[in-house]
Amino acid sequence: MTATHSPVDPKLLEILVCPVTKQALEYDRENNELISPKAGLAYPIRDGIPIMLPDEARPIED
């Protein structure tokens, strides 16, 4: 069974903020993640649901 990229509701993307910085997030369609540039974290999206837990986020490089 392969993972599929379920689309995220655009209205949800408008209201979500990084739980660490409280700043807006960028949607990375290619990796199916929400990026917090200021925190340097990428939050995964699983089955169309953003996982907004810092412990689940992966660090990103500049």
N, C-alpha and C. Protein backbone atom coordinates (compact mmCIF):
# COMPACT_ATOMS: atom_id res chain seq x y z
N MET A 1 0.84 -1.18 0.00
CA MET A 1 0.00 0.00 0.00
C MET A 1 0.89 1.24 0.00
N THR A 2 0.63 2.15 -0.89
CA THR A 2 1.45 3.36 -0.97
C THR A 2 0.73 4.54 -0.35
N ALA A 3 1.50 5.47 0.15
CA ALA A 3 0.92 6.68 0.73
C ALA A 3 0.43 7.59 -0.39
N THR A 4 -0.72 8.17 -0.19
CA THR A 4 -1.25 9.10 -1.17
C THR A 4 -1.26 10.49 -0.58
N HIS A 5 -1.15 11.47 -1.44
CA HIS A 5 -1.20 12.86 -1.00
C HIS A 5 -2.63 13.35 -1.11
N SER A 6 -3.31 13.40 0.02
CA SER A 6 -4.66 13.94 0.02
C SER A 6 -4.57 15.45 0.06
N PRO A 7 -5.40 16.11 -0.72
CA PRO A 7 -5.35 17.58 -0.71
C PRO A 7 -5.78 18.14 0.64
N VAL A 8 -5.18 19.25 1.00
CA VAL A 8 -5.53 19.94 2.23
C VAL A 8 -6.49 21.07 1.88
N ASP A 9 -7.50 21.25 2.71
CA ASP A 9 -8.48 22.31 2.50
C ASP A 9 -7.77 23.66 2.49
N PRO A 10 -7.88 24.43 1.40
CA PRO A 10 -7.21 25.73 1.32
C PRO A 10 -7.60 26.69 2.45
N LYS A 11 -8.84 26.60 2.91
CA LYS A 11 -9.28 27.47 4.02
C LYS A 11 -8.54 27.10 5.30
N LEU A 12 -8.27 25.82 5.47
CA LEU A 12 -7.51 25.38 6.64
C LEU A 12 -6.09 25.93 6.59
N LEU A 13 -5.50 25.92 5.40
CA LEU A 13 -4.14 26.44 5.25
C LEU A 13 -4.06 27.92 5.59
N GLU A 14 -5.15 28.65 5.35
CA GLU A 14 -5.17 30.08 5.63
C GLU A 14 -5.13 30.38 7.13
N ILE A 15 -5.69 29.49 7.95
CA ILE A 15 -5.78 29.79 9.38
C ILE A 15 -4.72 29.10 10.22
N LEU A 16 -4.07 28.07 9.67
CA LEU A 16 -3.04 27.37 10.45
C LEU A 16 -1.79 28.23 10.60
N VAL A 17 -1.20 28.17 11.78
CA VAL A 17 0.09 28.83 12.04
C VAL A 17 1.01 27.84 12.71
N CYS A 18 2.28 28.14 12.69
CA CYS A 18 3.28 27.29 13.34
C CYS A 18 3.04 27.33 14.85
N PRO A 19 2.97 26.17 15.50
CA PRO A 19 2.76 26.17 16.95
C PRO A 19 3.96 26.71 17.72
N VAL A 20 5.11 26.77 17.10
CA VAL A 20 6.32 27.28 17.77
C VAL A 20 6.42 28.79 17.64
N THR A 21 6.26 29.30 16.40
CA THR A 21 6.48 30.73 16.14
C THR A 21 5.18 31.54 16.05
N LYS A 22 4.06 30.84 15.87
CA LYS A 22 2.75 31.48 15.66
C LYS A 22 2.71 32.30 14.36
N GLN A 23 3.58 31.94 13.41
CA GLN A 23 3.64 32.63 12.12
C GLN A 23 3.01 31.75 11.04
N ALA A 24 2.68 32.38 9.93
CA ALA A 24 2.06 31.67 8.80
C ALA A 24 2.99 30.57 8.28
N LEU A 25 2.36 29.57 7.69
CA LEU A 25 3.08 28.44 7.13
C LEU A 25 3.01 28.47 5.60
N GLU A 26 3.99 27.83 4.98
CA GLU A 26 4.01 27.70 3.52
C GLU A 26 3.71 26.25 3.18
N TYR A 27 2.85 26.04 2.18
CA TYR A 27 2.51 24.69 1.76
C TYR A 27 3.51 24.20 0.72
N ASP A 28 4.15 23.08 0.99
CA ASP A 28 5.07 22.45 0.06
C ASP A 28 4.34 21.27 -0.58
N ARG A 29 3.78 21.51 -1.75
CA ARG A 29 2.97 20.49 -2.43
C ARG A 29 3.82 19.26 -2.79
N GLU A 30 5.04 19.48 -3.23
CA GLU A 30 5.91 18.38 -3.66
C GLU A 30 6.16 17.38 -2.54
N ASN A 31 6.43 17.88 -1.33
CA ASN A 31 6.72 17.01 -0.19
C ASN A 31 5.52 16.80 0.73
N ASN A 32 4.40 17.44 0.38
CA ASN A 32 3.18 17.33 1.18
C ASN A 32 3.44 17.67 2.64
N GLU A 33 3.99 18.88 2.84
CA GLU A 33 4.33 19.36 4.17
C GLU A 33 3.95 20.83 4.31
N LEU A 34 3.84 21.27 5.54
CA LEU A 34 3.67 22.68 5.85
C LEU A 34 5.00 23.16 6.43
N ILE A 35 5.55 24.19 5.83
CA ILE A 35 6.88 24.67 6.19
C ILE A 35 6.78 25.92 7.06
N SER A 36 7.55 25.91 8.14
CA SER A 36 7.71 27.09 8.98
C SER A 36 9.14 27.57 8.81
N PRO A 37 9.37 28.55 7.91
CA PRO A 37 10.74 29.00 7.66
C PRO A 37 11.42 29.55 8.91
N LYS A 38 10.69 30.28 9.71
CA LYS A 38 11.28 30.90 10.90
C LYS A 38 11.72 29.84 11.93
N ALA A 39 10.91 28.80 12.12
CA ALA A 39 11.24 27.74 13.06
C ALA A 39 12.19 26.71 12.44
N GLY A 40 12.28 26.70 11.10
CA GLY A 40 13.11 25.70 10.43
C GLY A 40 12.54 24.30 10.54
N LEU A 41 11.19 24.22 10.49
CA LEU A 41 10.52 22.93 10.63
C LEU A 41 9.56 22.69 9.48
N ALA A 42 9.38 21.41 9.16
CA ALA A 42 8.42 20.98 8.15
C ALA A 42 7.45 20.01 8.82
N TYR A 43 6.18 20.40 8.85
CA TYR A 43 5.14 19.58 9.47
C TYR A 43 4.52 18.67 8.42
N PRO A 44 4.44 17.37 8.69
CA PRO A 44 3.88 16.45 7.69
C PRO A 44 2.37 16.58 7.58
N ILE A 45 1.86 16.19 6.42
CA ILE A 45 0.42 16.11 6.19
C ILE A 45 0.13 14.65 5.89
N ARG A 46 -0.70 14.03 6.71
CA ARG A 46 -1.03 12.62 6.54
C ARG A 46 -2.53 12.47 6.30
N ASP A 47 -2.87 11.85 5.19
CA ASP A 47 -4.28 11.65 4.82
C ASP A 47 -5.05 12.97 4.83
N GLY A 48 -4.40 14.04 4.38
CA GLY A 48 -5.06 15.34 4.30
C GLY A 48 -5.11 16.09 5.62
N ILE A 49 -4.50 15.55 6.67
CA ILE A 49 -4.53 16.17 7.99
C ILE A 49 -3.13 16.65 8.36
N PRO A 50 -2.96 17.97 8.55
CA PRO A 50 -1.66 18.48 8.99
C PRO A 50 -1.37 18.02 10.42
N ILE A 51 -0.18 17.50 10.63
CA ILE A 51 0.25 17.06 11.96
C ILE A 51 1.07 18.19 12.56
N MET A 52 0.43 19.00 13.39
CA MET A 52 1.03 20.23 13.89
C MET A 52 1.72 20.06 15.24
N LEU A 53 2.45 18.97 15.39
CA LEU A 53 3.19 18.70 16.61
C LEU A 53 4.68 18.91 16.35
N PRO A 54 5.33 19.77 17.12
CA PRO A 54 6.77 19.98 16.90
C PRO A 54 7.59 18.68 16.94
N ASP A 55 7.17 17.72 17.76
CA ASP A 55 7.89 16.45 17.83
C ASP A 55 7.77 15.63 16.55
N GLU A 56 6.73 15.88 15.75
CA GLU A 56 6.52 15.16 14.50
C GLU A 56 7.16 15.88 13.31
N ALA A 57 7.53 17.13 13.49
CA ALA A 57 8.10 17.92 12.40
C ALA A 57 9.55 17.52 12.17
N ARG A 58 9.99 17.70 10.93
CA ARG A 58 11.41 17.43 10.63
C ARG A 58 12.13 18.76 10.46
N PRO A 59 13.38 18.81 10.92
CA PRO A 59 14.15 20.05 10.72
C PRO A 59 14.46 20.24 9.23
N ILE A 60 14.46 21.48 8.79
CA ILE A 60 14.79 21.75 7.39
C ILE A 60 16.07 22.58 7.34
N GLU A 61 16.77 22.42 6.24
CA GLU A 61 18.00 23.19 6.02
C GLU A 61 17.66 24.49 5.31
N ASP A 62 18.54 25.45 5.42
CA ASP A 62 18.34 26.73 4.73
C ASP A 62 18.46 26.57 3.23
